Structures are given as structure tokens and as C-alpha cells.
């Protein structure tokens, strides 16, 4: 499978709720053979999906793997402007609510750590209380687990997880029937 096919399958399998505008952002890992090819494919996809409000960047790269972050620009901007999110991010080394600066800081934090920095949950649209709960409990004692570990509103989270799972199944079926990623991406 070439990089174009891999990215398309990754978008459908891991990013359907973001493409459907149900979720702020998603992540997936993409294998590639050269950085030039990766940058070209990302440029192509960004051009294709920009009018739909979706962007993607490589948050972390190794020799042949990249962590791809797919996000809804307006949703992320809105989240980063929330006062409680701004305070939380400020306390974790982020300055301001500018998307570019925030993503640069997230990239820097990812470069320093083998694992994910806990604040990545904010960038994926997870509830702040669950991100804080995860940090305070060191990933233990959650009420339930789905796309993230839930520490607060488990009933609402369970409904959200079910919506995401249904979205992924519908998108996978439609994609296998011939719909393109662009056709499946909701304009927002």
C-alpha cells in the first residue's frame, strides 16, 4: 500500500468523527519512505480539505513513521480560547490561544517525551475535567474507558463513544462502497 492509500485508510479508520465534525481532532500513525513524500502528501490533503475546515500536520516524525494530527480549525480555535483551557495550557507551558503557537508547543512536548504529554487530550477535544482527572489519578481509577479515560461524566462519555463508533462504521462502509474522503468530509 502506498502512502496515499495509507493516509486515506487512516483518515477513515481513525478520523471519521473529526471528518464528520463530531470531534475536534484525531490522531493516527502513518508509515512513509521519505520526508519529501510525506510533506507532499500532507500538502495535497490540506489543499483538498481546507475548504471543509479540516487541516492535518505531522506532530512527530521518525525515520519512517509520522504521528498525523487531523483537526477542525474552528473547533480547535474555539477550544483554545475557552478561559479554563487557556489557564490549563498556560500552566503546562503553552502561551496564548493561537493555534500555530499551541501546536508548535505540543510538537516540542512530544519531541521531549517518549509517550504523549497529558495535555494532548485538550487538542483532541477531550473534556478538561477528564484530562485533569487522568493527570491527578496517574491514569488509574477511571469510571470508564473508550476514546479516553473518563473521570467525570461517564454517561455522556458513553453516548459520545457510541456516536464515534457508529460514525466510524458508517464512514468505513461508505468509503468501501466508493465514496471519497473528500465526499465524506462535512463542511463546517
Protein backbone atom coordinates (compact mmCIF):
# COMPACT_ATOMS: atom_id res chain seq x y z
CA UNK A 1 0.00 0.00 0.00
CA UNK A 2 1.46 3.39 -0.97
CA UNK A 3 1.40 6.48 1.26
CA UNK A 4 -1.68 7.97 -0.45
CA UNK A 5 -3.69 4.80 0.16
CA UNK A 6 -2.37 4.57 3.74
CA UNK A 7 -3.33 8.13 4.59
CA UNK A 8 -6.80 7.67 3.10
CA UNK A 9 -7.39 4.49 5.09
CA UNK A 10 -6.01 6.16 8.24
CA UNK A 11 -8.35 9.11 7.81
CA UNK A 12 -11.40 6.85 7.51
CA UNK A 13 -10.43 4.37 10.22
CA UNK A 14 -9.15 6.83 12.84
CA UNK A 15 -10.54 10.25 11.96
CA UNK A 16 -14.16 9.70 10.87
CA UNK A 17 -15.66 11.61 13.84
CA UNK A 18 -13.40 14.57 13.01
CA UNK A 19 -14.27 14.40 9.31
CA UNK A 20 -17.97 14.30 10.31
CA UNK A 21 -17.43 17.35 12.55
CA UNK A 22 -18.41 15.41 15.68
CA UNK A 23 -14.93 15.73 17.19
CA UNK A 24 -12.27 18.45 17.33
CA UNK A 25 -9.36 16.29 16.23
CA UNK A 26 -7.92 12.81 15.79
CA UNK A 27 -4.53 11.12 15.53
CA UNK A 28 -3.14 8.25 13.52
CA UNK A 29 0.27 6.87 12.66
CA UNK A 30 1.41 6.84 9.04
CA UNK A 31 4.35 4.96 7.59
CA UNK A 32 6.31 6.67 4.82
CA UNK A 33 9.53 6.18 2.89
CA UNK A 34 10.88 9.73 2.64
CA UNK A 35 10.13 13.05 4.32
CA UNK A 36 9.67 14.81 0.99
CA UNK A 37 6.92 12.36 0.06
CA UNK A 38 5.24 12.82 3.47
CA UNK A 39 5.29 16.61 3.16
CA UNK A 40 3.90 16.45 -0.38
CA UNK A 41 1.02 14.14 0.64
CA UNK A 42 0.16 16.35 3.64
CA UNK A 43 0.22 19.45 1.41
CA UNK A 44 -2.11 17.73 -1.07
CA UNK A 45 -4.58 16.69 1.63
CA UNK A 46 -4.51 20.09 3.30
CA UNK A 47 -5.32 21.70 -0.03
CA UNK A 48 -8.13 19.21 -0.65
CA UNK A 49 -9.78 19.59 2.76
CA UNK A 50 -9.10 23.23 3.67
CA UNK A 51 -12.44 24.48 2.33
CA UNK A 52 -14.13 21.91 4.60
CA UNK A 53 -12.35 23.37 7.66
CA UNK A 54 -10.01 20.41 8.16
CA UNK A 55 -6.22 20.53 8.39
CA UNK A 56 -3.54 17.96 9.12
CA UNK A 57 0.05 18.11 10.29
CA UNK A 58 2.74 15.69 11.36
CA UNK A 59 3.17 16.21 15.11
CA UNK A 60 6.10 13.82 15.42
CA UNK A 61 8.27 12.09 12.85
CA UNK A 62 10.83 9.33 12.98
CA UNK A 63 12.76 7.82 10.09
CA UNK A 64 9.70 6.15 8.57
CA UNK A 65 6.67 6.93 10.79
CA UNK A 66 4.71 10.09 11.46
CA UNK A 67 2.05 10.90 14.03
CA UNK A 68 -0.60 12.70 11.97
CA UNK A 69 -2.90 15.18 13.70
CA UNK A 70 -6.15 15.87 11.82
CA UNK A 71 -8.18 18.76 13.20
CA UNK A 72 -11.11 21.09 12.70
CA UNK A 73 -9.55 24.55 12.73
CA UNK A 74 -12.62 26.39 14.03
CA UNK A 75 -13.35 23.83 16.75
CA UNK A 76 -9.74 23.86 17.94
CA UNK A 77 -9.62 27.66 17.89
CA UNK A 78 -12.82 27.81 19.96
CA UNK A 79 -11.47 25.28 22.48
CA UNK A 80 -8.15 27.08 22.87
CA UNK A 81 -9.98 30.36 23.59
CA UNK A 82 -12.01 28.94 26.49
CA UNK A 83 -10.69 30.61 29.69
CA UNK A 84 -10.36 27.35 31.65
CA UNK A 85 -8.49 25.70 28.75
CA UNK A 86 -6.20 28.74 28.39
CA UNK A 87 -5.37 28.60 32.13
CA UNK A 88 -4.71 24.87 31.99
CA UNK A 89 -2.44 25.18 28.94
CA UNK A 90 -0.64 28.20 30.39
CA UNK A 91 0.14 26.10 33.49
CA UNK A 92 1.55 23.42 31.18
CA UNK A 93 3.95 25.65 29.25
CA UNK A 94 1.71 26.98 26.48
CA UNK A 95 1.41 30.68 25.71
CA UNK A 96 -1.69 32.29 24.25
CA UNK A 97 -4.52 30.72 22.29
CA UNK A 98 -3.04 30.89 18.77
CA UNK A 99 -3.38 27.53 17.02
CA UNK A 100 0.06 27.69 15.39
CA UNK A 101 1.88 28.53 18.61
CA UNK A 102 -0.07 25.93 20.58
CA UNK A 103 0.69 23.20 18.04
CA UNK A 104 4.38 24.19 18.00
CA UNK A 105 4.49 23.81 21.77
CA UNK A 106 2.67 20.47 21.56
CA UNK A 107 5.24 19.30 18.98
CA UNK A 108 8.06 20.38 21.29
CA UNK A 109 6.49 18.50 24.23
CA UNK A 110 6.07 15.40 22.05
CA UNK A 111 9.72 15.61 20.97
CA UNK A 112 10.86 15.56 24.61
CA UNK A 113 8.75 12.59 25.68
CA UNK A 114 8.53 9.00 24.50
CA UNK A 115 4.87 8.93 25.49
CA UNK A 116 2.16 11.55 24.95
CA UNK A 117 2.03 14.68 27.09
CA UNK A 118 -1.22 14.56 29.08
CA UNK A 119 -2.46 17.86 27.66
CA UNK A 120 -2.79 16.25 24.23
CA UNK A 121 -6.32 15.36 25.34
CA UNK A 122 -7.24 19.05 25.09
CA UNK A 123 -6.10 19.07 21.46
CA UNK A 124 -8.26 16.00 20.76
CA UNK A 125 -11.38 17.58 22.26
CA UNK A 126 -11.49 15.51 25.44
CA UNK A 127 -13.28 17.15 28.38
CA UNK A 128 -10.92 19.21 30.56
CA UNK A 129 -12.19 17.50 33.72
CA UNK A 130 -11.21 14.12 32.30
CA UNK A 131 -7.75 15.37 31.28
CA UNK A 132 -7.24 16.75 34.80
CA UNK A 133 -8.66 13.54 36.30
CA UNK A 134 -6.22 11.46 34.26
CA UNK A 135 -3.28 13.58 35.48
CA UNK A 136 -4.37 13.56 39.14
CA UNK A 137 -5.05 9.81 39.12
CA UNK A 138 -2.00 8.94 37.02
CA UNK A 139 -4.26 7.13 34.55
CA UNK A 140 -5.85 4.97 37.26
CA UNK A 141 -9.32 4.86 38.88
CA UNK A 142 -11.34 5.99 35.86
CA UNK A 143 -15.11 5.46 35.71
CA UNK A 144 -14.96 4.04 32.18
CA UNK A 145 -12.72 3.88 29.13
CA UNK A 146 -13.46 4.50 25.47
CA UNK A 147 -11.66 7.01 23.26
CA UNK A 148 -10.23 8.39 26.50
CA UNK A 149 -10.31 7.56 30.22
CA UNK A 150 -13.38 9.11 31.83
CA UNK A 151 -13.28 10.56 35.33
CA UNK A 152 -16.37 12.77 35.41
CA UNK A 153 -19.46 12.42 33.24
CA UNK A 154 -19.39 8.73 32.31
CA UNK A 155 -22.98 8.62 30.97
CA UNK A 156 -22.34 11.44 28.49
CA UNK A 157 -18.96 9.98 27.55
CA UNK A 158 -20.53 6.58 26.82
CA UNK A 159 -23.01 8.26 24.44
CA UNK A 160 -20.15 10.11 22.75
CA UNK A 161 -18.14 6.89 22.36
CA UNK A 162 -21.16 5.18 20.77
CA UNK A 163 -21.64 8.08 18.32
CA UNK A 164 -17.97 7.93 17.34
CA UNK A 165 -18.08 4.15 16.84
CA UNK A 166 -21.24 4.37 14.71
CA UNK A 167 -19.70 7.18 12.65
CA UNK A 168 -16.57 5.11 12.02
CA UNK A 169 -18.64 2.11 10.89
CA UNK A 170 -20.79 4.22 8.54
CA UNK A 171 -17.76 6.02 7.08
CA UNK A 172 -15.86 2.76 6.58
CA UNK A 173 -18.84 1.21 4.78
CA UNK A 174 -19.38 4.25 2.55
CA UNK A 175 -15.65 4.51 1.77
CA UNK A 176 -15.53 0.80 0.84
CA UNK A 177 -18.52 1.45 -1.46
CA UNK A 178 -16.52 4.10 -3.31
CA UNK A 179 -17.12 7.43 -1.59
CA UNK A 180 -14.01 9.56 -1.33
CA UNK A 181 -12.63 11.06 1.89
CA UNK A 182 -13.44 14.49 0.49
CA UNK A 183 -17.07 13.49 -0.18
CA UNK A 184 -17.35 12.14 3.37
CA UNK A 185 -15.86 15.25 4.97
CA UNK A 186 -18.55 17.59 6.31
CA UNK A 187 -18.04 21.27 5.55
CA UNK A 188 -18.02 23.40 8.68
